[in-house]
Amino acid sequence: MSRYVWRGGWVDKDTGAPMAVKAGPLAIPQIRPVMPEYHSPVTGKLISTRYERSEDLKRHDCVPYEESLSPTKGRFKNARFCKKHGFKLSEEYRD
């Protein structure tokens, strides 16, 4: 598979040949923003790349967090649980 770099236009990294553009919708490279670092909730290990993230999820049989799957939608209502784990009690559940 060819790898392309920008040198006044997209060119093949190895040969310098311009990228061939097929008829139809424009094919462009996907540029993804840098992923912010975080500590794995399971192991505490620093995760800094998408590869490390996917491997950590696979290794511990986990799935990415999606707020829509959470029954509490990311809100915490048990004050004792929050204190024990260092979380912040949600506003709507404070006395």
C-alpha atoms as a PDB file:
ATOM      1  CA  MET A   1       0.000   0.000   0.000  1.00  0.00           C
ATOM      2  CA  SER A   2       1.393   3.391  -0.948  1.00  0.00           C
ATOM      3  CA  ARG A   3       2.022   6.097   1.595  1.00  0.00           C
ATOM      4  CA  TYR A   4       1.608   9.675   0.527  1.00  0.00           C
ATOM      5  CA  VAL A   5       3.131  12.919   1.781  1.00  0.00           C
ATOM      6  CA  TRP A   6       2.308  16.548   0.982  1.00  0.00           C
ATOM      7  CA  ARG A   7       4.949  18.214  -1.173  1.00  0.00           C
ATOM      8  CA  GLY A   8       2.984  20.918  -2.959  1.00  0.00           C
ATOM      9  CA  GLY A   9       0.488  18.140  -3.723  1.00  0.00           C
ATOM     10  CA  TRP A  10       0.072  14.529  -2.570  1.00  0.00           C
ATOM     11  CA  VAL A  11       2.948  12.369  -3.815  1.00  0.00           C
ATOM     12  CA  ASP A  12       4.066   8.789  -3.159  1.00  0.00           C
ATOM     13  CA  LYS A  13       6.572   8.878  -0.302  1.00  0.00           C
ATOM     14  CA  ASP A  14       8.923   6.350  -1.928  1.00  0.00           C
ATOM     15  CA  THR A  15       8.731   7.204  -5.629  1.00  0.00           C
ATOM     16  CA  GLY A  16       7.665  10.865  -5.645  1.00  0.00           C
ATOM     17  CA  ALA A  17       4.922  10.061  -8.171  1.00  0.00           C
ATOM     18  CA  PRO A  18       1.765  12.171  -7.816  1.00  0.00           C
ATOM     19  CA  MET A  19      -1.230  10.484  -6.219  1.00  0.00           C
ATOM     20  CA  ALA A  20      -3.607   9.136  -8.856  1.00  0.00           C
ATOM     21  CA  VAL A  21      -7.105  10.585  -8.523  1.00  0.00           C
ATOM     22  CA  LYS A  22      -9.904   8.338  -9.741  1.00  0.00           C
ATOM     23  CA  ALA A  23     -13.137   9.647 -11.238  1.00  0.00           C
ATOM     24  CA  GLY A  24     -15.923  10.035  -8.722  1.00  0.00           C
ATOM     25  CA  PRO A  25     -15.893  11.269  -5.163  1.00  0.00           C
ATOM     26  CA  LEU A  26     -12.575  12.753  -4.082  1.00  0.00           C
ATOM     27  CA  ALA A  27     -10.430  10.388  -2.027  1.00  0.00           C
ATOM     28  CA  ILE A  28      -8.462  12.210   0.624  1.00  0.00           C
ATOM     29  CA  PRO A  29      -6.252  10.954   3.428  1.00  0.00           C
ATOM     30  CA  GLN A  30      -7.824  10.760   6.855  1.00  0.00           C
ATOM     31  CA  ILE A  31      -6.096  12.986   9.374  1.00  0.00           C
ATOM     32  CA  ARG A  32      -7.098  12.285  12.954  1.00  0.00           C
ATOM     33  CA  PRO A  33      -6.402  14.591  15.866  1.00  0.00           C
ATOM     34  CA  VAL A  34      -3.952  13.571  18.563  1.00  0.00           C
ATOM     35  CA  MET A  35      -5.604  11.486  21.257  1.00  0.00           C
ATOM     36  CA  PRO A  36      -5.339  12.959  24.767  1.00  0.00           C
ATOM     37  CA  GLU A  37      -3.408  10.798  27.241  1.00  0.00           C
ATOM     38  CA  TYR A  38      -5.288   9.134  30.091  1.00  0.00           C
ATOM     39  CA  HIS A  39      -4.750   6.434  32.688  1.00  0.00           C
ATOM     40  CA  SER A  40      -6.442   3.079  32.108  1.00  0.00           C
ATOM     41  CA  PRO A  41      -9.312   2.685  34.595  1.00  0.00           C
ATOM     42  CA  VAL A  42      -8.427  -1.020  34.926  1.00  0.00           C
ATOM     43  CA  THR A  43      -4.632  -0.990  35.317  1.00  0.00           C
ATOM     44  CA  GLY A  44      -3.733   2.660  35.876  1.00  0.00           C
ATOM     45  CA  LYS A  45      -1.229   2.443  32.975  1.00  0.00           C
ATOM     46  CA  LEU A  46      -0.794   5.615  30.896  1.00  0.00           C
ATOM     47  CA  ILE A  47      -2.536   5.262  27.507  1.00  0.00           C
ATOM     48  CA  SER A  48      -1.208   7.700  24.916  1.00  0.00           C
ATOM     49  CA  THR A  49      -1.957   6.178  21.473  1.00  0.00           C
ATOM     50  CA  ARG A  50      -4.994   4.713  19.754  1.00  0.00           C
ATOM     51  CA  TYR A  51      -3.154   1.399  19.433  1.00  0.00           C
ATOM     52  CA  GLU A  52      -2.453   1.251  23.188  1.00  0.00           C
ATOM     53  CA  ARG A  53      -6.121   2.080  23.822  1.00  0.00           C
ATOM     54  CA  SER A  54      -7.454  -0.691  21.585  1.00  0.00           C
ATOM     55  CA  GLU A  55      -4.975  -3.216  23.042  1.00  0.00           C
ATOM     56  CA  ASP A  56      -5.916  -2.215  26.619  1.00  0.00           C
ATOM     57  CA  LEU A  57      -9.620  -2.606  25.813  1.00  0.00           C
ATOM     58  CA  LYS A  58      -9.065  -6.025  24.189  1.00  0.00           C
ATOM     59  CA  ARG A  59      -6.751  -7.308  26.915  1.00  0.00           C
ATOM     60  CA  HIS A  60      -9.256  -6.532  29.669  1.00  0.00           C
ATOM     61  CA  ASP A  61     -12.410  -7.455  27.719  1.00  0.00           C
ATOM     62  CA  CYS A  62     -13.738  -3.887  27.829  1.00  0.00           C
ATOM     63  CA  VAL A  63     -15.642  -1.624  25.451  1.00  0.00           C
ATOM     64  CA  PRO A  64     -15.216   2.135  24.910  1.00  0.00           C
ATOM     65  CA  TYR A  65     -17.369   4.246  27.216  1.00  0.00           C
ATOM     66  CA  GLU A  66     -20.474   5.668  25.617  1.00  0.00           C
ATOM     67  CA  GLU A  67     -22.679   7.826  27.776  1.00  0.00           C
ATOM     68  CA  SER A  68     -25.779   6.497  25.965  1.00  0.00           C
ATOM     69  CA  LEU A  69     -25.033   2.993  27.362  1.00  0.00           C
ATOM     70  CA  SER A  70     -24.755   4.197  30.962  1.00  0.00           C
ATOM     71  CA  PRO A  71     -27.914   3.844  33.064  1.00  0.00           C
ATOM     72  CA  THR A  72     -26.915   6.956  35.047  1.00  0.00           C
ATOM     73  CA  LYS A  73     -25.545   8.867  32.000  1.00  0.00           C
ATOM     74  CA  GLY A  74     -22.267   9.564  33.809  1.00  0.00           C
ATOM     75  CA  ARG A  75     -23.937  11.058  36.886  1.00  0.00           C
ATOM     76  CA  PHE A  76     -23.150   9.842  40.399  1.00  0.00           C
ATOM     77  CA  LYS A  77     -25.815   9.798  43.094  1.00  0.00           C
ATOM     78  CA  ASN A  78     -24.211   7.764  45.921  1.00  0.00           C
ATOM     79  CA  ALA A  79     -22.175  10.095  48.140  1.00  0.00           C
ATOM     80  CA  ARG A  80     -20.323   7.265  49.906  1.00  0.00           C
ATOM     81  CA  PHE A  81     -19.295   5.688  46.572  1.00  0.00           C
ATOM     82  CA  CYS A  82     -18.056   9.062  45.270  1.00  0.00           C
ATOM     83  CA  LYS A  83     -15.999   9.708  48.394  1.00  0.00           C
ATOM     84  CA  LYS A  84     -14.450   6.212  48.280  1.00  0.00           C
ATOM     85  CA  HIS A  85     -13.447   6.461  44.598  1.00  0.00           C
ATOM     86  CA  GLY A  86     -12.636  10.172  44.421  1.00  0.00           C
ATOM     87  CA  PHE A  87     -15.565  11.130  42.171  1.00  0.00           C
ATOM     88  CA  LYS A  88     -17.699  14.231  42.375  1.00  0.00           C
ATOM     89  CA  LEU A  89     -21.338  13.828  43.446  1.00  0.00           C
ATOM     90  CA  SER A  90     -23.690  15.111  40.734  1.00  0.00           C
ATOM     91  CA  GLU A  91     -25.420  18.430  41.472  1.00  0.00           C
ATOM     92  CA  GLU A  92     -28.955  17.053  41.220  1.00  0.00           C
ATOM     93  CA  TYR A  93     -28.291  14.485  43.986  1.00  0.00           C
ATOM     94  CA  ARG A  94     -26.761  16.845  46.551  1.00  0.00           C
ATOM     95  CA  ASP A  95     -28.764  17.780  49.656  1.00  0.00           C
END
